[in-house]
Amino acid sequence: MEINEKVKEFLIANRQEEYRKFSLSLLPPGTKMLGVRLPLIKKFSKELCCGNWRNYLKNAESKWYEEVMLQGFVVGMAKCGIDERIAHIKEFLPKISNWGICDSFSMGVKIFEPERGKYFEYIKICQHSSAPYIRRYATVSMLSKYVDEEYIRRVLELLMIEQPDNYYVKMATAWALSICLVKHKKTTESEILKRGLDSDTLKMTLRKVKESRRFGLREKREIVDVLKKAYI
């Protein structure tokens, strides 16, 4: 069976109307979705990775949300070196048109320890992009892979460079900063105060802190009091 027909057969067999309706309520208007749950897509992508996945990516169709999501998981998990993976990522990024695919893809990319430096250099390039979902891809990649002692200051510097005036970019930045505050509170507070944030991103960051279960009530108040001084 031709690979795209196999993919369509799988997706149609596993679609759920109620899940489709719920998911569409969270995604941008116009998203074309069948309603297949994420764990099933991820499981099927692993099957594709065991076959001729390069041929699949070369010929894959991208009409439905799930088709693009499936490609993203294959790009992120297929067995290959870092240079080839980055090449596939470059080809895939223009296909991202919503936060759901962006975040699942960004967090699902498989990077081994010796590859972290080279991958971070690529993320740095993407973090300077004016394309909202390329910028969000870079931000979510950092929050999921690089908020550690080795990279924290570099991550914070990149998070606070000038960004597109886009809700999804700013929300990803706020999300990332809240993770940085959880893991490296003093360093993050210091960098935010030094560099400043635009009012929208700062408000979103403060909201993330208030909603977090990782901080006690007193610590939340302390963080909010500190960060309120960072408006630019």
Protein backbone atom coordinates (compact mmCIF):
# COMPACT_ATOMS: atom_id res chain seq x y z
CA MET A 1 0.00 0.00 0.00
CA GLU A 2 1.28 3.48 -0.92
CA ILE A 3 2.45 5.29 2.23
CA ASN A 4 0.00 8.19 2.10
CA GLU A 5 -2.90 5.77 1.68
CA LYS A 6 -1.65 3.83 4.69
CA VAL A 7 -1.50 7.05 6.72
CA LYS A 8 -5.02 8.08 5.67
CA GLU A 9 -6.39 4.64 6.49
CA PHE A 10 -4.87 4.82 9.97
CA LEU A 11 -6.09 8.35 10.68
CA ILE A 12 -9.64 7.75 9.46
CA ALA A 13 -9.89 4.50 11.42
CA ASN A 14 -8.87 6.29 14.63
CA ARG A 15 -10.74 9.59 14.39
CA GLN A 16 -13.14 10.61 17.15
CA GLU A 17 -15.72 13.32 16.49
CA GLU A 18 -16.09 14.49 20.08
CA TYR A 19 -12.32 14.81 20.46
CA ARG A 20 -12.16 16.71 17.15
CA LYS A 21 -14.77 19.22 18.33
CA PHE A 22 -13.00 19.73 21.65
CA SER A 23 -9.56 20.14 20.04
CA LEU A 24 -10.80 22.58 17.42
CA SER A 25 -12.10 24.82 20.19
CA LEU A 26 -8.48 25.26 21.36
CA LEU A 27 -6.89 25.80 17.95
CA PRO A 28 -6.94 28.71 15.46
CA PRO A 29 -10.02 28.96 13.21
CA GLY A 30 -9.70 27.07 9.93
CA THR A 31 -7.63 24.19 11.32
CA LYS A 32 -8.49 21.00 9.42
CA MET A 33 -8.60 18.13 11.88
CA LEU A 34 -9.88 14.56 11.88
CA GLY A 35 -9.81 14.05 15.65
CA VAL A 36 -7.09 11.47 16.30
CA ARG A 37 -5.59 11.48 19.79
CA LEU A 38 -1.94 12.41 20.18
CA PRO A 39 -0.68 9.14 21.76
CA LEU A 40 -2.01 7.19 18.77
CA ILE A 41 -0.30 9.53 16.30
CA LYS A 42 2.95 9.25 18.22
CA LYS A 43 2.71 5.45 18.33
CA PHE A 44 2.08 5.28 14.59
CA SER A 45 5.02 7.60 13.90
CA LYS A 46 7.30 5.07 15.61
CA GLU A 47 6.09 2.44 13.15
CA LEU A 48 6.90 4.76 10.25
CA CYS A 49 10.36 5.39 11.69
CA CYS A 50 11.07 1.66 11.43
CA GLY A 51 10.46 1.73 7.67
CA ASN A 52 11.55 4.00 4.82
CA TRP A 53 10.81 7.20 6.75
CA ARG A 54 12.87 9.39 4.41
CA ASN A 55 10.65 8.40 1.50
CA TYR A 56 7.59 9.07 3.66
CA LEU A 57 8.75 12.61 4.52
CA LYS A 58 9.59 13.31 0.90
CA ASN A 59 6.07 12.41 -0.25
CA ALA A 60 3.94 13.11 2.82
CA GLU A 61 0.68 15.01 2.42
CA SER A 62 -0.20 17.89 4.75
CA LYS A 63 -3.93 18.51 4.36
CA TRP A 64 -4.92 17.53 7.91
CA TYR A 65 -3.60 18.59 11.30
CA GLU A 66 -2.79 14.98 12.10
CA GLU A 67 -0.80 14.48 8.89
CA VAL A 68 1.47 17.39 9.78
CA MET A 69 1.74 16.24 13.41
CA LEU A 70 2.76 12.78 12.22
CA GLN A 71 5.52 14.22 10.04
CA GLY A 72 6.78 16.24 12.97
CA PHE A 73 7.09 13.19 15.20
CA VAL A 74 8.95 11.30 12.47
CA VAL A 75 11.34 14.22 11.95
CA GLY A 76 11.94 14.38 15.68
CA MET A 77 12.37 10.68 16.42
CA ALA A 78 13.78 8.99 13.30
CA LYS A 79 17.23 7.50 13.65
CA CYS A 80 19.71 9.91 12.03
CA GLY A 81 22.57 12.27 12.84
CA ILE A 82 22.12 15.82 14.06
CA ASP A 83 22.98 17.44 10.71
CA GLU A 84 20.36 15.40 8.87
CA ARG A 85 17.79 16.01 11.61
CA ILE A 86 18.33 19.77 11.42
CA ALA A 87 17.93 19.60 7.63
CA HIS A 88 14.57 17.85 8.05
CA ILE A 89 13.55 20.36 10.73
CA LYS A 90 14.27 23.24 8.34
CA GLU A 91 11.97 21.64 5.77
CA PHE A 92 9.26 20.95 8.35
CA LEU A 93 9.05 24.29 10.18
CA PRO A 94 7.17 26.18 7.40
CA LYS A 95 4.37 23.59 7.71
CA ILE A 96 3.58 24.59 11.30
CA SER A 97 0.47 26.77 11.45
CA ASN A 98 -0.72 26.38 15.04
CA TRP A 99 0.60 26.10 18.59
CA GLY A 100 -0.49 22.46 19.03
CA ILE A 101 1.75 21.08 16.32
CA CYS A 102 4.51 23.53 17.23
CA ASP A 103 4.72 22.53 20.88
CA SER A 104 4.35 18.77 20.40
CA PHE A 105 7.02 18.83 17.71
CA SER A 106 9.43 21.05 19.63
CA MET A 107 9.30 18.92 22.76
CA GLY A 108 9.44 15.64 20.81
CA VAL A 109 12.71 16.22 18.94
CA LYS A 110 15.21 13.62 20.11
CA ILE A 111 18.64 15.10 20.86
CA PHE A 112 21.52 13.15 22.39
CA GLU A 113 23.98 14.73 24.82
CA PRO A 114 26.87 15.11 22.30
CA GLU A 115 24.46 16.89 19.91
CA ARG A 116 23.16 19.51 22.35
CA GLY A 117 25.69 22.19 21.44
CA LYS A 118 25.06 22.03 17.70
CA TYR A 119 21.29 21.90 18.19
CA PHE A 120 21.39 24.92 20.47
CA GLU A 121 23.24 26.88 17.80
CA TYR A 122 20.45 26.11 15.35
CA ILE A 123 17.81 27.11 17.91
CA LYS A 124 19.64 30.43 18.38
CA ILE A 125 19.15 31.18 14.68
CA CYS A 126 15.44 30.31 14.87
CA GLN A 127 14.99 32.46 17.98
CA HIS A 128 15.83 35.51 15.87
CA SER A 129 13.18 34.66 13.25
CA SER A 130 10.29 37.03 12.63
CA ALA A 131 8.07 34.05 11.71
CA PRO A 132 5.90 33.45 14.80
CA TYR A 133 5.89 29.65 14.82
CA ILE A 134 9.59 29.34 14.06
CA ARG A 135 10.23 31.65 17.01
CA ARG A 136 7.83 29.65 19.19
CA TYR A 137 9.52 26.41 18.10
CA ALA A 138 12.86 27.77 19.32
CA THR A 139 11.39 29.00 22.61
CA VAL A 140 9.62 25.73 23.43
CA SER A 141 12.72 23.78 22.44
CA MET A 142 14.76 25.76 24.96
CA LEU A 143 12.27 25.42 27.80
CA SER A 144 12.06 21.66 27.26
CA LYS A 145 15.76 20.91 26.71
CA TYR A 146 18.06 23.68 27.95
CA VAL A 147 16.87 25.14 31.25
CA ASP A 148 19.85 23.80 33.18
CA GLU A 149 22.97 25.12 34.87
CA GLU A 150 25.03 24.99 31.68
CA TYR A 151 22.63 26.90 29.44
CA ILE A 152 20.41 29.01 31.70
CA ARG A 153 22.07 32.39 31.07
CA ARG A 154 22.19 31.83 27.32
CA VAL A 155 18.55 30.78 27.34
CA LEU A 156 17.49 33.86 29.27
CA GLU A 157 19.43 36.14 26.93
CA LEU A 158 17.66 34.61 23.92
CA LEU A 159 14.23 34.68 25.52
CA MET A 160 14.42 38.42 26.02
CA ILE A 161 15.57 39.57 22.59
CA GLU A 162 13.06 41.58 20.57
CA GLN A 163 10.20 39.37 19.50
CA PRO A 164 7.31 39.52 17.01
CA ASP A 165 4.16 41.19 18.31
CA ASN A 166 2.34 37.88 18.39
CA TYR A 167 0.28 36.32 21.18
CA TYR A 168 1.62 32.79 20.65
CA VAL A 169 5.22 33.94 20.72
CA LYS A 170 4.75 36.02 23.84
CA MET A 171 2.87 33.26 25.63
CA ALA A 172 5.65 30.78 24.82
CA THR A 173 8.19 33.27 26.20
CA ALA A 174 6.16 33.66 29.39
CA TRP A 175 5.89 29.88 29.71
CA ALA A 176 9.65 29.50 29.28
CA LEU A 177 10.42 32.23 31.81
CA SER A 178 8.12 30.59 34.35
CA ILE A 179 10.07 27.32 33.92
CA CYS A 180 13.32 29.24 34.36
CA LEU A 181 11.95 30.78 37.55
CA VAL A 182 11.07 27.33 38.89
CA LYS A 183 14.53 25.91 38.22
CA HIS A 184 16.79 28.97 38.53
CA LYS A 185 14.80 31.61 40.39
CA LYS A 186 17.52 34.10 41.41
CA THR A 187 19.32 34.03 38.07
CA THR A 188 16.07 34.46 36.17
CA GLU A 189 14.84 37.33 38.34
CA SER A 190 18.19 39.07 37.95
CA GLU A 191 18.21 38.74 34.14
CA ILE A 192 14.61 39.88 33.76
CA LEU A 193 15.27 42.96 35.88
CA LYS A 194 18.45 43.72 33.97
CA ARG A 195 16.98 43.31 30.49
CA GLY A 196 13.30 44.16 31.02
CA LEU A 197 10.21 42.79 29.29
CA ASP A 198 7.41 44.33 27.30
CA SER A 199 4.21 44.72 29.34
CA ASP A 200 2.27 41.93 27.58
CA THR A 201 4.97 39.30 28.06
CA LEU A 202 5.57 40.37 31.66
CA LYS A 203 1.85 40.15 32.47
CA MET A 204 1.71 36.68 30.92
CA THR A 205 4.78 35.62 32.91
CA LEU A 206 3.26 36.86 36.16
CA ARG A 207 0.06 34.96 35.37
CA LYS A 208 2.06 31.78 34.77
CA VAL A 209 3.77 32.23 38.12
CA LYS A 210 0.44 32.77 39.90
CA GLU A 211 -1.03 29.64 38.26
CA SER A 212 1.99 27.45 39.00
CA ARG A 213 1.77 24.74 41.63
CA ARG A 214 5.55 24.73 41.93
CA PHE A 215 5.57 27.86 44.10
CA GLY A 216 3.99 28.47 47.51
CA LEU A 217 1.71 31.48 48.00
CA ARG A 218 4.41 33.51 49.77
CA GLU A 219 7.00 32.77 47.07
CA LYS A 220 4.54 33.72 44.34
CA ARG A 221 3.98 37.10 46.00
CA GLU A 222 7.73 37.65 46.31
CA ILE A 223 8.33 36.84 42.63
CA VAL A 224 5.48 39.07 41.49
CA ASP A 225 6.77 41.97 43.62
CA VAL A 226 10.25 41.59 42.12
CA LEU A 227 9.18 41.21 38.49
CA LYS A 228 6.78 44.15 38.53
CA LYS A 229 9.89 46.32 38.40
CA ALA A 230 10.84 44.87 34.99
CA TYR A 231 8.36 46.76 32.78
CA ILE A 232 10.00 48.48 29.81
